[in-house]
Amino acid sequence: MSRKNWNAGDLSIIRSVCTDQGKGNAGMKKILVTGGAGFVGSNLCRRLVQEENNDVICLDNLMTGKLDNIQDLIKRPNFKFIEHDVREAIDIDIHYIYHAACPQVLRRIRKAQQER
């Protein structure tokens, strides 16, 4: 196993341990979706959990995302929700990342609204 550090600018640091083949035990693929409780992220999670060999981890701080968006996924055995801010480091054993969280955009929008 090799250690990979994922860094999307100063927005997020997600450290992950990746296997060489991209699959964990029994062929399961562990997939992290940041911003997973938002509109785009929740629909992505919904699509990913349909495949039985996908283990989907939804990471969201619920700043703009809503638990209502993923309510139908919570009881699925291959879905896990973690309330966490992507701007803070977190160690998660994963194979793939879909980065749908974007707190920097929110700061810019709020700043522009305040300047009006």
Protein backbone atom coordinates (compact mmCIF):
# COMPACT_ATOMS: atom_id res chain seq x y z
CA MET A 1 0.00 0.00 0.00
CA SER A 2 1.15 3.50 -0.73
CA ARG A 3 0.19 6.65 1.13
CA LYS A 4 -1.34 9.45 -0.96
CA ASN A 5 -2.01 13.00 0.14
CA TRP A 6 -4.87 14.78 -1.63
CA ASN A 7 -4.78 18.56 -1.46
CA ALA A 8 -7.18 20.80 -3.39
CA GLY A 9 -5.46 24.13 -2.82
CA ASP A 10 -6.14 25.50 0.63
CA LEU A 11 -9.73 24.21 0.54
CA SER A 12 -9.27 20.65 1.69
CA ILE A 13 -6.72 18.09 2.74
CA ILE A 14 -7.92 14.53 2.54
CA ARG A 15 -5.31 11.91 3.32
CA SER A 16 -6.07 8.46 2.09
CA VAL A 17 -4.47 5.07 1.99
CA CYS A 18 -4.89 3.58 -1.48
CA THR A 19 -4.36 0.02 -2.61
CA ASP A 20 -2.57 -0.65 -5.86
CA GLN A 21 -5.67 -2.09 -7.56
CA GLY A 22 -8.26 0.41 -6.30
CA LYS A 23 -10.34 -2.24 -4.53
CA GLY A 24 -10.57 -3.23 -0.88
CA ASN A 25 -11.78 -6.45 0.71
CA ALA A 26 -13.93 -8.71 -1.47
CA GLY A 27 -13.74 -6.31 -4.42
CA MET A 28 -15.40 -3.39 -2.61
CA LYS A 29 -14.49 0.07 -3.87
CA LYS A 30 -14.48 2.70 -1.12
CA ILE A 31 -15.61 6.00 -2.62
CA LEU A 32 -15.58 9.36 -0.83
CA VAL A 33 -17.99 12.08 -1.99
CA THR A 34 -17.24 15.47 -0.42
CA GLY A 35 -20.22 17.80 -0.37
CA GLY A 36 -22.32 14.65 -0.54
CA ALA A 37 -25.40 16.17 1.12
CA GLY A 38 -25.65 18.94 -1.48
CA PHE A 39 -27.71 18.72 -4.66
CA VAL A 40 -24.93 17.46 -6.94
CA GLY A 41 -23.20 15.33 -4.28
CA SER A 42 -26.39 13.62 -3.10
CA ASN A 43 -27.37 12.65 -6.62
CA LEU A 44 -23.86 11.33 -7.22
CA CYS A 45 -24.07 9.30 -3.98
CA ARG A 46 -27.48 7.97 -5.05
CA ARG A 47 -26.01 6.75 -8.34
CA LEU A 48 -22.88 5.25 -6.74
CA VAL A 49 -24.72 3.20 -4.07
CA GLN A 50 -26.72 1.45 -6.78
CA GLU A 51 -23.66 -0.68 -7.51
CA GLU A 52 -23.28 -3.31 -4.81
CA ASN A 53 -19.47 -3.32 -4.94
CA ASN A 54 -19.34 0.41 -4.07
CA ASP A 55 -18.94 1.46 -0.45
CA VAL A 56 -19.90 5.17 -0.48
CA ILE A 57 -18.79 7.64 2.20
CA CYS A 58 -20.61 10.97 2.10
CA LEU A 59 -18.69 13.80 3.78
CA ASP A 60 -20.46 17.14 4.35
CA ASN A 61 -20.49 19.86 7.01
CA LEU A 62 -24.14 20.68 6.21
CA MET A 63 -23.33 24.36 5.66
CA THR A 64 -25.39 24.31 2.47
CA GLY A 65 -26.11 20.60 2.08
CA LYS A 66 -29.13 19.04 3.77
CA LEU A 67 -29.70 15.68 5.43
CA ASP A 68 -33.05 15.56 3.60
CA ASN A 69 -31.07 15.15 0.36
CA ILE A 70 -29.57 11.86 1.55
CA GLN A 71 -32.34 10.59 3.85
CA ASP A 72 -33.19 7.74 1.47
CA LEU A 73 -29.54 6.60 1.50
CA ILE A 74 -28.90 6.56 5.27
CA LYS A 75 -30.21 3.01 5.83
CA ARG A 76 -28.35 1.51 2.89
CA PRO A 77 -25.60 -0.90 4.01
CA ASN A 78 -23.08 0.49 1.51
CA PHE A 79 -23.57 4.16 2.49
CA LYS A 80 -22.07 6.10 5.39
CA PHE A 81 -22.51 9.79 6.27
CA ILE A 82 -19.79 11.75 8.08
CA GLU A 83 -20.46 15.32 9.18
CA HIS A 84 -17.11 17.03 8.61
CA ASP A 85 -15.69 20.20 7.07
CA VAL A 86 -13.41 19.53 4.07
CA ARG A 87 -11.17 22.40 5.16
CA GLU A 88 -10.05 20.24 8.09
CA ALA A 89 -7.81 17.20 7.62
CA ILE A 90 -9.34 13.75 7.95
CA ASP A 91 -7.88 10.26 7.57
CA ILE A 92 -10.12 7.88 5.65
CA ASP A 93 -9.25 4.62 3.93
CA ILE A 94 -10.60 5.15 0.37
CA HIS A 95 -9.92 4.31 -3.25
CA TYR A 96 -11.67 7.14 -5.11
CA ILE A 97 -12.66 10.76 -4.37
CA TYR A 98 -15.40 12.83 -5.95
CA HIS A 99 -14.87 16.38 -4.71
CA ALA A 100 -18.23 18.20 -4.84
CA ALA A 101 -17.63 20.50 -1.85
CA CYS A 102 -16.55 24.04 -2.57
CA PRO A 103 -16.51 26.36 0.49
CA GLN A 104 -14.35 28.94 -1.31
CA VAL A 105 -17.17 29.69 -3.75
CA LEU A 106 -19.56 30.31 -0.85
CA ARG A 107 -17.17 32.83 0.70
CA ARG A 108 -16.92 34.72 -2.59
CA ILE A 109 -20.69 34.77 -3.07
CA ARG A 110 -21.28 36.04 0.48
CA LYS A 111 -18.58 38.69 0.06
CA ALA A 112 -20.13 39.88 -3.20
CA GLN A 113 -23.58 40.05 -1.56
CA GLN A 114 -22.18 42.12 1.33
CA GLU A 115 -20.52 44.56 -1.07
CA ARG A 116 -23.86 45.34 -2.79
